[in-house]
């Protein structure tokens, strides 16, 4: 097997886990994940990413605070501007993913209460024992965020290779001031997203579906 085959297998094995076991991941395993992920490229080698990783009581405190905040309908205050909309194929993919998720757990499309309850699971971190909050210096703007996105991808792949399940969550960045206060994150760093991680509950129905990917022909515009 070639290196590209091994990488492709890892990419295909990765998925967004939405049901975790309570078992914590050992510190040395988390360090191995970060050690691998830090080799991604960044503009001028700035390496803008910084992680605030929770475990034990710290995860539970953040989970409780986020869930309470979201349940009472707090006003979103993300550091990074939210998308202005989804149109065309991007909206199609988004809707398909949502319908797959609801089908997996038996929530009817018309069940607004059930859909809301499932959405709030984001703020419970899907019961993961750990969450990594990804931040970048505000002064680096979109380019720091872009570089950090590469780190997020590498983190999830390295975790997959070590048998650790992950889900990258933009939802947590909705309440950036709350997260900043809970984890003492400096004001000069943008809260970009979270990665909840741990060991997957492989029997959970919500972990059974997989999203589709566009074909290379849908992605490449050849120029010659």
N, C-alpha and C. Protein backbone atom coordinates (compact mmCIF):
# COMPACT_ATOMS: atom_id res chain seq x y z
N UNK A 1 0.84 -1.20 0.00
CA UNK A 1 0.00 0.00 0.00
C UNK A 1 0.88 1.25 0.00
N UNK A 2 0.56 2.22 -0.85
CA UNK A 2 1.34 3.44 -0.93
C UNK A 2 0.90 4.43 0.15
N UNK A 3 1.70 5.49 0.32
CA UNK A 3 1.35 6.50 1.31
C UNK A 3 0.04 7.18 0.97
N UNK A 4 -0.22 7.43 -0.33
CA UNK A 4 -1.47 8.08 -0.70
C UNK A 4 -2.66 7.19 -0.41
N UNK A 5 -2.48 5.87 -0.54
CA UNK A 5 -3.56 4.94 -0.21
C UNK A 5 -3.86 5.00 1.28
N UNK A 6 -2.80 5.05 2.09
CA UNK A 6 -2.99 5.12 3.54
C UNK A 6 -3.70 6.42 3.92
N UNK A 7 -3.29 7.53 3.31
CA UNK A 7 -3.93 8.81 3.59
C UNK A 7 -5.39 8.79 3.16
N UNK A 8 -5.65 8.24 1.98
CA UNK A 8 -7.03 8.17 1.48
C UNK A 8 -7.90 7.34 2.41
N UNK A 9 -7.37 6.23 2.89
CA UNK A 9 -8.13 5.39 3.83
C UNK A 9 -8.47 6.17 5.10
N UNK A 10 -7.52 6.96 5.60
CA UNK A 10 -7.76 7.74 6.82
C UNK A 10 -8.80 8.83 6.56
N UNK A 11 -8.69 9.49 5.41
CA UNK A 11 -9.68 10.51 5.05
C UNK A 11 -11.08 9.92 4.96
N UNK A 12 -11.19 8.74 4.37
CA UNK A 12 -12.49 8.11 4.21
C UNK A 12 -13.03 7.56 5.54
N UNK A 13 -12.13 7.22 6.45
CA UNK A 13 -12.55 6.68 7.75
C UNK A 13 -13.05 7.80 8.68
N UNK A 14 -12.56 9.01 8.49
CA UNK A 14 -12.96 10.11 9.35
C UNK A 14 -14.43 10.47 9.12
N UNK A 15 -15.14 10.77 10.17
CA UNK A 15 -16.53 11.23 10.06
C UNK A 15 -16.82 12.10 11.27
N UNK A 16 -17.91 12.83 11.22
CA UNK A 16 -18.30 13.68 12.34
C UNK A 16 -19.06 12.84 13.36
N UNK A 17 -18.41 12.57 14.47
CA UNK A 17 -19.00 11.74 15.52
C UNK A 17 -19.97 12.57 16.36
N UNK A 18 -21.17 12.05 16.58
CA UNK A 18 -22.18 12.78 17.34
C UNK A 18 -22.69 11.99 18.54
N UNK A 19 -21.94 10.99 18.95
CA UNK A 19 -22.25 10.25 20.18
C UNK A 19 -20.94 9.64 20.68
N UNK A 20 -20.52 10.07 21.87
CA UNK A 20 -19.24 9.64 22.42
C UNK A 20 -19.43 8.82 23.69
N UNK A 21 -18.47 7.95 23.95
CA UNK A 21 -18.38 7.26 25.22
C UNK A 21 -17.75 8.21 26.24
N UNK A 22 -17.96 7.98 27.54
CA UNK A 22 -17.39 8.88 28.55
C UNK A 22 -15.90 8.71 28.78
N UNK A 23 -15.32 7.66 28.25
CA UNK A 23 -13.90 7.36 28.52
C UNK A 23 -12.99 8.48 28.04
N UNK A 24 -12.12 8.99 28.90
CA UNK A 24 -11.20 10.06 28.48
C UNK A 24 -10.09 9.53 27.59
N UNK A 25 -9.52 10.43 26.81
CA UNK A 25 -8.35 10.11 25.98
C UNK A 25 -7.12 10.48 26.79
N UNK A 26 -6.14 9.59 26.83
CA UNK A 26 -4.93 9.84 27.61
C UNK A 26 -4.19 11.07 27.09
N UNK A 27 -3.55 11.80 28.01
CA UNK A 27 -2.82 13.01 27.63
C UNK A 27 -1.78 12.75 26.55
N UNK A 28 -1.09 11.61 26.64
CA UNK A 28 -0.04 11.35 25.67
C UNK A 28 -0.60 11.09 24.28
N UNK A 29 -1.83 10.56 24.20
CA UNK A 29 -2.47 10.35 22.89
C UNK A 29 -2.87 11.71 22.30
N UNK A 30 -3.42 12.59 23.15
CA UNK A 30 -3.77 13.94 22.67
C UNK A 30 -2.53 14.66 22.17
N UNK A 31 -1.43 14.52 22.91
CA UNK A 31 -0.18 15.16 22.50
C UNK A 31 0.31 14.60 21.17
N UNK A 32 0.15 13.30 20.95
CA UNK A 32 0.55 12.70 19.66
C UNK A 32 -0.28 13.27 18.51
N UNK A 33 -1.58 13.50 18.76
CA UNK A 33 -2.45 14.08 17.73
C UNK A 33 -1.96 15.48 17.35
N UNK A 34 -1.69 16.29 18.36
CA UNK A 34 -1.23 17.66 18.11
C UNK A 34 0.16 17.67 17.48
N UNK A 35 1.01 16.75 17.91
CA UNK A 35 2.36 16.65 17.35
C UNK A 35 2.31 16.39 15.85
N UNK A 36 1.38 15.55 15.41
CA UNK A 36 1.23 15.28 13.98
C UNK A 36 0.59 16.47 13.26
N UNK A 37 -0.47 17.02 13.84
CA UNK A 37 -1.23 18.07 13.16
C UNK A 37 -0.43 19.35 12.96
N UNK A 38 0.54 19.62 13.80
CA UNK A 38 1.30 20.87 13.74
C UNK A 38 2.16 21.00 12.49
N UNK A 39 2.26 19.94 11.69
CA UNK A 39 3.09 19.98 10.49
C UNK A 39 2.36 20.53 9.26
N UNK A 40 1.13 20.99 9.42
CA UNK A 40 0.42 21.57 8.27
C UNK A 40 1.06 22.90 7.88
N UNK A 41 0.90 23.32 6.61
CA UNK A 41 1.48 24.59 6.18
C UNK A 41 0.72 25.79 6.72
N UNK A 42 1.42 26.91 6.83
CA UNK A 42 0.79 28.18 7.19
C UNK A 42 1.57 29.32 6.53
N UNK A 43 0.86 30.41 6.28
CA UNK A 43 1.47 31.54 5.59
C UNK A 43 2.63 32.10 6.42
N UNK A 44 3.81 32.19 5.79
CA UNK A 44 5.03 32.67 6.45
C UNK A 44 5.41 31.83 7.67
N UNK A 45 4.88 30.60 7.71
CA UNK A 45 5.12 29.71 8.85
C UNK A 45 4.68 30.34 10.16
N UNK A 46 3.62 31.15 10.11
CA UNK A 46 3.14 31.83 11.32
C UNK A 46 2.57 30.86 12.36
N UNK A 47 2.03 29.72 11.89
CA UNK A 47 1.44 28.73 12.79
C UNK A 47 0.51 29.41 13.81
N UNK A 48 -0.57 30.04 13.32
CA UNK A 48 -1.39 30.89 14.19
C UNK A 48 -2.30 30.14 15.16
N UNK A 49 -2.47 28.85 14.96
CA UNK A 49 -3.42 28.09 15.77
C UNK A 49 -2.95 27.96 17.22
N UNK A 50 -3.90 28.03 18.11
CA UNK A 50 -3.68 27.74 19.53
C UNK A 50 -4.88 26.94 20.01
N UNK A 51 -4.63 25.97 20.88
CA UNK A 51 -5.72 25.12 21.37
C UNK A 51 -5.91 25.29 22.87
N UNK A 52 -7.17 25.41 23.27
CA UNK A 52 -7.53 25.28 24.68
C UNK A 52 -8.28 23.96 24.80
N UNK A 53 -7.68 22.98 25.43
CA UNK A 53 -8.25 21.63 25.49
C UNK A 53 -8.76 21.35 26.90
N UNK A 54 -9.99 20.90 26.98
CA UNK A 54 -10.59 20.60 28.27
C UNK A 54 -10.56 19.10 28.56
N UNK A 55 -10.62 18.78 29.83
CA UNK A 55 -10.81 17.39 30.26
C UNK A 55 -11.47 17.41 31.63
N UNK A 56 -12.12 16.31 31.97
CA UNK A 56 -12.74 16.18 33.28
C UNK A 56 -13.75 17.27 33.58
N UNK A 57 -13.60 17.87 34.76
CA UNK A 57 -14.55 18.87 35.24
C UNK A 57 -14.62 20.09 34.32
N UNK A 58 -13.52 20.44 33.68
CA UNK A 58 -13.52 21.60 32.80
C UNK A 58 -14.44 21.38 31.60
N UNK A 59 -14.46 20.17 31.05
CA UNK A 59 -15.38 19.86 29.96
C UNK A 59 -16.81 19.98 30.43
N UNK A 60 -17.11 19.46 31.60
CA UNK A 60 -18.47 19.50 32.12
C UNK A 60 -18.92 20.93 32.42
N UNK A 61 -18.02 21.75 32.94
CA UNK A 61 -18.39 23.15 33.21
C UNK A 61 -18.73 23.88 31.91
N UNK A 62 -17.91 23.67 30.89
CA UNK A 62 -18.16 24.34 29.61
C UNK A 62 -19.44 23.81 28.98
N UNK A 63 -19.64 22.51 29.02
CA UNK A 63 -20.84 21.90 28.46
C UNK A 63 -22.10 22.48 29.11
N UNK A 64 -22.08 22.54 30.44
CA UNK A 64 -23.23 23.05 31.19
C UNK A 64 -23.51 24.51 30.86
N UNK A 65 -22.46 25.31 30.78
CA UNK A 65 -22.61 26.74 30.49
C UNK A 65 -23.14 26.97 29.08
N UNK A 66 -22.59 26.24 28.12
CA UNK A 66 -23.03 26.39 26.73
C UNK A 66 -24.48 25.98 26.55
N UNK A 67 -24.84 24.86 27.14
CA UNK A 67 -26.20 24.35 27.00
C UNK A 67 -27.21 25.30 27.62
N UNK A 68 -26.88 25.85 28.79
CA UNK A 68 -27.77 26.81 29.44
C UNK A 68 -27.92 28.07 28.59
N UNK A 69 -26.82 28.53 28.02
CA UNK A 69 -26.82 29.73 27.20
C UNK A 69 -27.67 29.54 25.94
N UNK A 70 -27.48 28.38 25.28
CA UNK A 70 -28.21 28.11 24.04
C UNK A 70 -29.69 27.87 24.31
N UNK A 71 -30.00 27.19 25.41
CA UNK A 71 -31.39 26.86 25.72
C UNK A 71 -32.22 28.11 25.98
N UNK A 72 -31.61 29.12 26.57
CA UNK A 72 -32.36 30.36 26.85
C UNK A 72 -32.39 31.30 25.65
N UNK A 73 -31.82 30.85 24.53
CA UNK A 73 -31.87 31.65 23.32
C UNK A 73 -30.99 32.87 23.32
N UNK A 74 -29.81 32.76 23.89
CA UNK A 74 -28.87 33.88 23.94
C UNK A 74 -28.53 34.36 22.53
N UNK A 75 -28.27 35.65 22.40
CA UNK A 75 -27.93 36.23 21.10
C UNK A 75 -26.56 35.74 20.65
N UNK A 76 -26.44 35.23 19.43
CA UNK A 76 -25.14 34.77 18.92
C UNK A 76 -24.13 35.92 18.86
N UNK A 77 -22.90 35.65 19.27
CA UNK A 77 -21.84 36.64 19.23
C UNK A 77 -20.53 36.00 18.74
N UNK A 78 -20.50 35.53 17.50
CA UNK A 78 -19.27 34.90 17.00
C UNK A 78 -18.18 35.94 16.73
N UNK A 79 -16.93 35.54 16.88
CA UNK A 79 -15.81 36.41 16.55
C UNK A 79 -15.63 36.53 15.04
N UNK A 80 -15.91 35.46 14.33
CA UNK A 80 -15.74 35.40 12.88
C UNK A 80 -17.12 35.53 12.25
N UNK A 81 -17.25 36.39 11.24
CA UNK A 81 -18.56 36.59 10.61
C UNK A 81 -19.14 35.28 10.11
N UNK A 82 -20.42 35.10 10.37
CA UNK A 82 -21.15 33.91 9.92
C UNK A 82 -21.35 33.98 8.40
N UNK A 83 -21.55 32.85 7.72
CA UNK A 83 -21.88 32.89 6.29
C UNK A 83 -23.12 33.75 6.04
N UNK A 84 -23.12 34.48 4.94
CA UNK A 84 -24.29 35.32 4.63
C UNK A 84 -25.43 34.49 4.05
N UNK A 85 -25.14 33.26 3.65
CA UNK A 85 -26.18 32.39 3.14
C UNK A 85 -25.60 31.17 2.45
N UNK A 86 -26.48 30.21 2.14
CA UNK A 86 -26.10 29.02 1.38
C UNK A 86 -27.03 28.96 0.17
N UNK A 87 -26.48 28.87 -1.02
CA UNK A 87 -27.31 28.82 -2.21
C UNK A 87 -26.85 27.68 -3.12
N UNK A 88 -27.72 27.31 -4.05
CA UNK A 88 -27.38 26.30 -5.04
C UNK A 88 -26.94 24.98 -4.43
N UNK A 89 -25.85 24.44 -4.95
CA UNK A 89 -25.38 23.12 -4.52
C UNK A 89 -24.98 23.12 -3.05
N UNK A 90 -24.52 24.27 -2.54
CA UNK A 90 -24.10 24.33 -1.14
C UNK A 90 -25.30 24.16 -0.21
N UNK A 91 -26.42 24.74 -0.59
CA UNK A 91 -27.63 24.55 0.20
C UNK A 91 -28.15 23.12 0.06
N UNK A 92 -28.03 22.56 -1.14
CA UNK A 92 -28.46 21.17 -1.36
C UNK A 92 -27.68 20.22 -0.44
N UNK A 93 -26.37 20.41 -0.40
CA UNK A 93 -25.53 19.53 0.43
C UNK A 93 -25.86 19.70 1.91
N UNK A 94 -26.06 20.93 2.32
CA UNK A 94 -26.39 21.22 3.72
C UNK A 94 -27.71 20.56 4.12
N UNK A 95 -28.72 20.68 3.27
CA UNK A 95 -30.02 20.09 3.56
C UNK A 95 -29.94 18.56 3.59
N UNK A 96 -29.22 17.99 2.63
CA UNK A 96 -29.09 16.53 2.57
C UNK A 96 -28.44 16.00 3.84
N UNK A 97 -27.39 16.68 4.29
CA UNK A 97 -26.71 16.27 5.52
C UNK A 97 -27.67 16.31 6.70
N UNK A 98 -28.45 17.40 6.79
CA UNK A 98 -29.41 17.52 7.88
C UNK A 98 -30.46 16.43 7.86
N UNK A 99 -30.98 16.14 6.67
CA UNK A 99 -32.00 15.09 6.56
C UNK A 99 -31.43 13.72 6.91
N UNK A 100 -30.19 13.46 6.50
CA UNK A 100 -29.55 12.18 6.86
C UNK A 100 -29.43 12.05 8.37
N UNK A 101 -29.04 13.15 9.01
CA UNK A 101 -28.87 13.14 10.46
C UNK A 101 -30.20 12.83 11.16
N UNK A 102 -31.26 13.56 10.76
CA UNK A 102 -32.56 13.35 11.40
C UNK A 102 -33.10 11.95 11.13
N UNK A 103 -32.90 11.45 9.91
CA UNK A 103 -33.35 10.10 9.59
C UNK A 103 -32.64 9.07 10.47
N UNK A 104 -31.35 9.30 10.73
CA UNK A 104 -30.57 8.33 11.51
C UNK A 104 -31.11 8.17 12.93
N UNK A 105 -31.67 9.25 13.47
CA UNK A 105 -32.17 9.18 14.85
C UNK A 105 -33.69 9.17 14.92
N UNK A 106 -34.34 9.02 13.75
CA UNK A 106 -35.79 8.87 13.72
C UNK A 106 -36.57 10.14 14.00
N UNK A 107 -36.02 11.29 13.62
CA UNK A 107 -36.72 12.56 13.79
C UNK A 107 -37.36 12.95 12.47
N UNK A 108 -38.67 13.11 12.47
CA UNK A 108 -39.37 13.50 11.25
C UNK A 108 -39.03 14.94 10.88
N UNK A 109 -39.01 15.22 9.58
CA UNK A 109 -38.68 16.57 9.12
C UNK A 109 -39.63 17.62 9.67
N UNK A 110 -40.87 17.23 9.99
CA UNK A 110 -41.86 18.17 10.52
C UNK A 110 -41.79 18.33 12.04
N UNK A 111 -40.94 17.53 12.68
CA UNK A 111 -40.83 17.54 14.15
C UNK A 111 -39.87 18.65 14.58
N UNK A 112 -40.39 19.86 14.69
CA UNK A 112 -39.54 21.01 15.03
C UNK A 112 -38.93 20.87 16.41
N UNK A 113 -39.71 20.37 17.36
CA UNK A 113 -39.20 20.20 18.72
C UNK A 113 -38.05 19.19 18.76
N UNK A 114 -38.22 18.08 18.03
CA UNK A 114 -37.17 17.07 17.99
C UNK A 114 -35.92 17.59 17.31
N UNK A 115 -36.10 18.38 16.26
CA UNK A 115 -34.95 18.95 15.56
C UNK A 115 -34.20 19.94 16.44
N UNK A 116 -34.95 20.72 17.22
CA UNK A 116 -34.33 21.67 18.13
C UNK A 116 -33.53 20.94 19.21
N UNK A 117 -34.11 19.88 19.75
CA UNK A 117 -33.42 19.10 20.78
C UNK A 117 -32.13 18.51 20.23
N UNK A 118 -32.17 18.04 18.99
CA UNK A 118 -30.96 17.48 18.38
C UNK A 118 -29.92 18.57 18.14
N UNK A 119 -30.37 19.76 17.73
CA UNK A 119 -29.45 20.88 17.52
C UNK A 119 -28.74 21.25 18.81
N UNK A 120 -29.48 21.21 19.92
CA UNK A 120 -28.89 21.57 21.21
C UNK A 120 -27.83 20.57 21.67
N UNK A 121 -27.83 19.39 21.07
CA UNK A 121 -26.79 18.41 21.41
C UNK A 121 -25.40 18.95 21.07
N UNK A 122 -25.33 19.88 20.10
CA UNK A 122 -24.06 20.53 19.80
C UNK A 122 -23.45 21.13 21.06
N UNK A 123 -24.30 21.80 21.85
CA UNK A 123 -23.80 22.54 23.01
C UNK A 123 -23.54 21.63 24.21
N UNK A 124 -24.04 20.41 24.14
CA UNK A 124 -23.68 19.40 25.13
C UNK A 124 -22.42 18.66 24.69
N UNK A 125 -21.83 19.13 23.57
CA UNK A 125 -20.61 18.56 23.01
C UNK A 125 -20.77 17.08 22.67
N UNK A 126 -22.03 16.69 22.44
CA UNK A 126 -22.36 15.30 22.10
C UNK A 126 -21.80 14.33 23.14
N UNK A 127 -21.70 14.82 24.39
CA UNK A 127 -21.22 14.03 25.53
C UNK A 127 -19.74 13.65 25.42
N UNK A 128 -19.00 14.34 24.59
CA UNK A 128 -17.56 14.06 24.46
C UNK A 128 -16.83 14.41 25.75
N UNK A 129 -15.80 13.66 26.10
CA UNK A 129 -15.04 13.95 27.31
C UNK A 129 -14.06 15.11 27.16
N UNK A 130 -13.83 15.53 25.92
CA UNK A 130 -12.87 16.62 25.66
C UNK A 130 -13.40 17.53 24.57
N UNK A 131 -12.99 18.79 24.63
CA UNK A 131 -13.20 19.69 23.51
C UNK A 131 -11.95 20.56 23.37
N UNK A 132 -11.55 20.76 22.12
CA UNK A 132 -10.44 21.67 21.82
C UNK A 132 -11.03 22.92 21.17
N UNK A 133 -10.77 24.07 21.76
CA UNK A 133 -11.21 25.34 21.18
C UNK A 133 -10.04 25.89 20.36
N UNK A 134 -10.29 26.14 19.08
CA UNK A 134 -9.25 26.60 18.16
C UNK A 134 -9.31 28.11 18.04
N UNK A 135 -8.20 28.78 18.30
CA UNK A 135 -8.15 30.23 18.19
C UNK A 135 -6.99 30.67 17.30
N UNK A 136 -7.10 31.90 16.80
CA UNK A 136 -6.07 32.49 15.96
C UNK A 136 -5.97 33.97 16.31
N UNK A 137 -4.79 34.60 16.17
CA UNK A 137 -4.67 36.02 16.47
C UNK A 137 -5.61 36.87 15.62
N UNK A 138 -6.33 37.77 16.25
CA UNK A 138 -7.26 38.64 15.53
C UNK A 138 -6.56 39.41 14.43
N UNK A 139 -5.33 39.83 14.66
CA UNK A 139 -4.61 40.65 13.69
C UNK A 139 -4.32 39.92 12.38
N UNK A 140 -4.36 38.59 12.40
CA UNK A 140 -4.10 37.83 11.18
C UNK A 140 -5.36 37.61 10.34
N UNK A 141 -6.51 37.97 10.88
CA UNK A 141 -7.76 37.95 10.12
C UNK A 141 -8.06 36.65 9.43
N UNK A 142 -8.55 36.79 8.18
CA UNK A 142 -9.00 35.61 7.43
C UNK A 142 -7.87 34.64 7.14
N UNK A 143 -6.64 35.15 7.02
CA UNK A 143 -5.54 34.27 6.67
C UNK A 143 -5.13 33.39 7.85
N UNK A 144 -5.19 33.93 9.05
CA UNK A 144 -4.96 33.11 10.23
C UNK A 144 -6.04 32.05 10.38
N UNK A 145 -7.28 32.43 10.06
CA UNK A 145 -8.39 31.48 10.13
C UNK A 145 -8.22 30.38 9.09
N UNK A 146 -7.77 30.76 7.87
CA UNK A 146 -7.56 29.77 6.82
C UNK A 146 -6.47 28.78 7.22
N UNK A 147 -5.36 29.29 7.74
CA UNK A 147 -4.29 28.41 8.20
C UNK A 147 -4.78 27.47 9.30
N UNK A 148 -5.57 28.01 10.21
CA UNK A 148 -6.09 27.20 11.32
C UNK A 148 -7.05 26.13 10.84
N UNK A 149 -7.75 26.40 9.74
CA UNK A 149 -8.62 25.38 9.15
C UNK A 149 -7.82 24.16 8.71
N UNK A 150 -6.62 24.42 8.19
CA UNK A 150 -5.75 23.30 7.83
C UNK A 150 -5.36 22.49 9.05
N UNK A 151 -5.14 23.18 10.16
CA UNK A 151 -4.78 22.48 11.40
C UNK A 151 -5.96 21.64 11.89
N UNK A 152 -7.17 22.17 11.78
CA UNK A 152 -8.36 21.42 12.20
C UNK A 152 -8.46 20.11 11.42
N UNK A 153 -8.26 20.20 10.10
CA UNK A 153 -8.30 19.00 9.27
C UNK A 153 -7.24 17.99 9.71
N UNK A 154 -6.02 18.47 9.91
CA UNK A 154 -4.94 17.57 10.31
C UNK A 154 -5.21 16.94 11.67
N UNK A 155 -5.76 17.71 12.60
CA UNK A 155 -6.08 17.19 13.93
C UNK A 155 -7.09 16.04 13.81
N UNK A 156 -8.14 16.26 13.02
CA UNK A 156 -9.17 15.21 12.91
C UNK A 156 -8.62 13.95 12.24
N UNK A 157 -7.71 14.13 11.28
CA UNK A 157 -7.13 12.96 10.60
C UNK A 157 -6.16 12.21 11.51
N UNK A 158 -5.33 12.96 12.24
CA UNK A 158 -4.40 12.32 13.17
C UNK A 158 -5.17 11.57 14.25
N UNK A 159 -6.25 12.18 14.72
CA UNK A 159 -7.08 11.52 15.73
C UNK A 159 -7.67 10.23 15.18
N UNK A 160 -8.19 10.28 13.96
CA UNK A 160 -8.76 9.09 13.33
C UNK A 160 -7.74 7.97 13.24
N UNK A 161 -6.52 8.33 12.86
CA UNK A 161 -5.46 7.33 12.73
C UNK A 161 -5.14 6.66 14.06
N UNK A 162 -5.42 7.35 15.17
CA UNK A 162 -5.16 6.80 16.51
C UNK A 162 -6.42 6.24 17.17
N UNK A 163 -7.50 6.13 16.39
CA UNK A 163 -8.73 5.54 16.92
C UNK A 163 -9.57 6.48 17.75
N UNK A 164 -9.31 7.78 17.64
CA UNK A 164 -10.06 8.79 18.40
C UNK A 164 -11.04 9.47 17.46
N UNK A 165 -12.29 9.57 17.87
CA UNK A 165 -13.33 10.17 17.05
C UNK A 165 -13.41 11.68 17.32
N UNK A 166 -13.85 12.42 16.31
CA UNK A 166 -13.91 13.88 16.42
C UNK A 166 -15.15 14.44 15.73
N UNK A 167 -15.48 15.67 16.09
CA UNK A 167 -16.42 16.46 15.30
C UNK A 167 -16.02 17.91 15.41
N UNK A 168 -15.77 18.55 14.27
CA UNK A 168 -15.47 19.98 14.25
C UNK A 168 -16.79 20.73 14.34
N UNK A 169 -16.86 21.72 15.23
CA UNK A 169 -18.12 22.40 15.51
C UNK A 169 -17.99 23.92 15.42
N UNK A 170 -18.60 24.49 14.39
CA UNK A 170 -18.69 25.96 14.33
C UNK A 170 -19.70 26.47 15.36
N UNK A 171 -20.67 25.63 15.73
CA UNK A 171 -21.74 26.06 16.64
C UNK A 171 -21.19 26.62 17.95
N UNK A 172 -20.12 26.06 18.45
CA UNK A 172 -19.58 26.50 19.74
C UNK A 172 -19.07 27.94 19.65
N UNK A 173 -18.58 28.33 18.48
CA UNK A 173 -18.09 29.70 18.29
C UNK A 173 -19.22 30.72 18.28
N UNK A 174 -20.46 30.24 18.22
CA UNK A 174 -21.61 31.14 18.30
C UNK A 174 -21.55 32.00 19.54
N UNK A 175 -21.10 31.42 20.63
CA UNK A 175 -21.06 32.11 21.92
C UNK A 175 -19.62 32.36 22.35
N UNK A 176 -18.90 33.05 21.48
CA UNK A 176 -17.47 33.30 21.72
C UNK A 176 -17.19 33.97 23.07
N UNK A 177 -17.94 34.99 23.48
CA UNK A 177 -17.65 35.63 24.77
C UNK A 177 -17.77 34.66 25.96
N UNK A 178 -18.75 33.76 25.90
CA UNK A 178 -18.91 32.78 26.96
C UNK A 178 -17.73 31.82 27.00
N UNK A 179 -17.33 31.32 25.84
CA UNK A 179 -16.19 30.40 25.77
C UNK A 179 -14.92 31.09 26.24
N UNK A 180 -14.74 32.33 25.81
CA UNK A 180 -13.56 33.11 26.22
C UNK A 180 -13.50 33.25 27.74
N UNK A 181 -14.63 33.53 28.34
CA UNK A 181 -14.69 33.71 29.79
C UNK A 181 -14.44 32.39 30.52
N UNK A 182 -15.02 31.31 30.01
CA UNK A 182 -14.89 30.00 30.67
C UNK A 182 -13.45 29.50 30.65
N UNK A 183 -12.74 29.77 29.55
CA UNK A 183 -11.41 29.17 29.37
C UNK A 183 -10.29 30.20 29.41
N UNK A 184 -10.61 31.42 29.80
CA UNK A 184 -9.60 32.48 29.94
C UNK A 184 -8.81 32.70 28.64
N UNK A 185 -9.52 32.77 27.55
CA UNK A 185 -8.89 33.00 26.25
C UNK A 185 -8.74 34.51 26.05
N UNK A 186 -7.56 34.99 25.68
CA UNK A 186 -7.32 36.43 25.54
C UNK A 186 -8.22 37.08 24.49
N UNK A 187 -8.49 38.35 24.68
CA UNK A 187 -9.35 39.10 23.78
C UNK A 187 -8.74 39.27 22.38
N UNK A 188 -7.42 39.16 22.29
CA UNK A 188 -6.77 39.38 20.99
C UNK A 188 -6.70 38.12 20.14
N UNK A 189 -7.45 37.08 20.54
CA UNK A 189 -7.51 35.86 19.74
C UNK A 189 -8.95 35.58 19.34
N UNK A 190 -9.14 35.28 18.04
CA UNK A 190 -10.47 34.91 17.55
C UNK A 190 -10.77 33.46 17.88
N UNK A 191 -11.95 33.23 18.41
CA UNK A 191 -12.42 31.86 18.61
C UNK A 191 -13.05 31.40 17.30
N UNK A 192 -12.44 30.40 16.66
CA UNK A 192 -12.83 29.99 15.32
C UNK A 192 -13.84 28.84 15.34
N UNK A 193 -13.55 27.82 16.12
CA UNK A 193 -14.42 26.65 16.15
C UNK A 193 -13.98 25.76 17.31
N UNK A 194 -14.66 24.67 17.46
CA UNK A 194 -14.29 23.68 18.47
C UNK A 194 -14.13 22.32 17.78
N UNK A 195 -13.36 21.46 18.41
CA UNK A 195 -13.32 20.05 18.02
C UNK A 195 -13.64 19.24 19.28
N UNK A 196 -14.83 18.67 19.33
CA UNK A 196 -15.15 17.75 20.41
C UNK A 196 -14.57 16.39 20.04
N UNK A 197 -13.98 15.71 21.02
CA UNK A 197 -13.34 14.43 20.66
C UNK A 197 -13.32 13.46 21.84
N UNK A 198 -13.13 12.21 21.49
CA UNK A 198 -13.12 11.11 22.46
C UNK A 198 -13.26 9.80 21.71
N UNK A 199 -13.81 8.81 22.37
CA UNK A 199 -14.02 7.51 21.71
C UNK A 199 -15.48 7.37 21.32
N UNK A 200 -15.72 6.94 20.10
CA UNK A 200 -17.07 6.89 19.55
C UNK A 200 -17.92 5.80 20.20
N UNK A 201 -19.20 6.12 20.37
CA UNK A 201 -20.19 5.10 20.69
C UNK A 201 -20.59 4.50 19.35
N UNK A 202 -19.96 3.42 18.99
CA UNK A 202 -20.13 2.85 17.65
C UNK A 202 -21.52 2.25 17.43
N UNK A 203 -22.26 2.02 18.50
CA UNK A 203 -23.60 1.46 18.36
C UNK A 203 -24.68 2.53 18.24
N UNK A 204 -24.33 3.79 18.45
CA UNK A 204 -25.32 4.86 18.38
C UNK A 204 -25.80 5.05 16.94
N UNK A 205 -27.10 5.07 16.70
CA UNK A 205 -27.62 5.24 15.33
C UNK A 205 -27.09 6.48 14.63
N UNK A 206 -26.89 7.55 15.37
CA UNK A 206 -26.46 8.80 14.74
C UNK A 206 -25.04 8.72 14.19
N UNK A 207 -24.30 7.72 14.62
CA UNK A 207 -22.94 7.54 14.09
C UNK A 207 -22.88 6.61 12.89
N UNK A 208 -24.04 6.22 12.38
CA UNK A 208 -24.05 5.23 11.30
C UNK A 208 -24.08 5.85 9.90
N UNK A 209 -24.58 7.08 9.76
CA UNK A 209 -24.69 7.64 8.41
C UNK A 209 -23.39 8.33 8.00
N UNK A 210 -23.17 8.42 6.69
CA UNK A 210 -22.00 9.09 6.14
C UNK A 210 -22.44 10.03 5.03
N UNK A 211 -21.85 11.21 5.00
CA UNK A 211 -22.18 12.18 3.96
C UNK A 211 -21.45 11.85 2.67
N UNK A 212 -22.02 12.29 1.55
CA UNK A 212 -21.41 12.06 0.25
C UNK A 212 -20.39 13.16 -0.05
N UNK A 213 -19.53 12.93 -1.02
CA UNK A 213 -18.54 13.91 -1.44
C UNK A 213 -18.67 14.16 -2.94
N UNK A 214 -18.44 15.40 -3.33
CA UNK A 214 -18.47 15.77 -4.75
C UNK A 214 -17.36 15.04 -5.49
N UNK A 215 -17.61 14.75 -6.76
CA UNK A 215 -16.61 14.08 -7.60
C UNK A 215 -15.53 15.08 -8.02
N UNK A 216 -14.32 14.58 -8.34
CA UNK A 216 -13.27 15.48 -8.83
C UNK A 216 -13.74 16.36 -9.99
N UNK A 217 -14.57 15.82 -10.86
CA UNK A 217 -15.06 16.59 -12.01
C UNK A 217 -15.95 17.75 -11.59
N UNK A 218 -16.54 17.67 -10.40
CA UNK A 218 -17.36 18.77 -9.87
C UNK A 218 -16.52 19.84 -9.19
N UNK A 219 -15.27 19.50 -8.91
CA UNK A 219 -14.40 20.39 -8.14
C UNK A 219 -13.38 21.11 -9.00
N UNK A 220 -12.89 20.43 -10.05
CA UNK A 220 -11.77 20.96 -10.83
C UNK A 220 -12.26 21.76 -12.03
N UNK A 221 -11.72 22.95 -12.19
CA UNK A 221 -11.86 23.72 -13.42
C UNK A 221 -10.50 23.74 -14.11
N UNK A 222 -10.38 22.93 -15.19
CA UNK A 222 -9.09 22.83 -15.88
C UNK A 222 -8.84 24.07 -16.72
N UNK A 223 -7.61 24.52 -16.72
CA UNK A 223 -7.18 25.63 -17.58
C UNK A 223 -5.94 25.20 -18.35
N UNK A 224 -5.94 25.39 -19.65
CA UNK A 224 -4.77 24.99 -20.43
C UNK A 224 -4.55 25.98 -21.60
